[in-house]
Amino acid sequence: MTNALVIGSGPAGLTSSIYLVRAGIDTTVIAGNEPGGQLIFTTDVENFPGFPGGIMGPDLMIKMREQAEKVGAKVIDAAVVEVNFDKRPFVIKTADKELIADTVIIATGASAMWLGLESEEKLKQWKVLMIFKPSTGEYRTISIGTCKKSHMLYIRLRMSNAFFQRR
């Protein structure tokens, strides 16, 4: 049994787990299907305090997870398949575990909506950043690498005008 269980490992989930643990509350995070959340698919994060030069989304999420684990949050790399909020304590199930918690924080965020195009799948495999600028309808592709630690592809479909001005 854990005092608090956080479903989701994006910025909200990891931040809440850090605050919970620092308050002395035993906390477990279930990372979900997209560990790190949407920021795993984001290139330049320029609006996060403490990084005046910006930081790549995957790098930020690696740092946030490391900090959550360092303060004592337990992170389970699994997805929730079932919940029971009918009675306390709450029961949360993954494919191979049943967890019981007094408190559950749902911080599942959002998921990218891929178009499902064959060309889109090819671009993902070739480590290409796909960019669409809605104001002009312009598409761009930029060759990129993978994140050193997570080996996930950086993909961002919406970019700010500031991003295009720097390129």
Foldseek 3Di string as FASTA:
>chain_A
DFAEEEEAQAPVRLVVLLVCLVVVGAYEYEHAPDRHPPQLQAQFDCPDPPCPVTHRSVVVSVVSVVSSVVSPYHYHDFHWDDWDPPDPQIWTDTPPDIDTYNYYHYDHDDDDDDPPDPVVVVCQVQLWEWEAEVVVRDIDIDHDAADPPPRHRHYDHYDDPVVVVVD
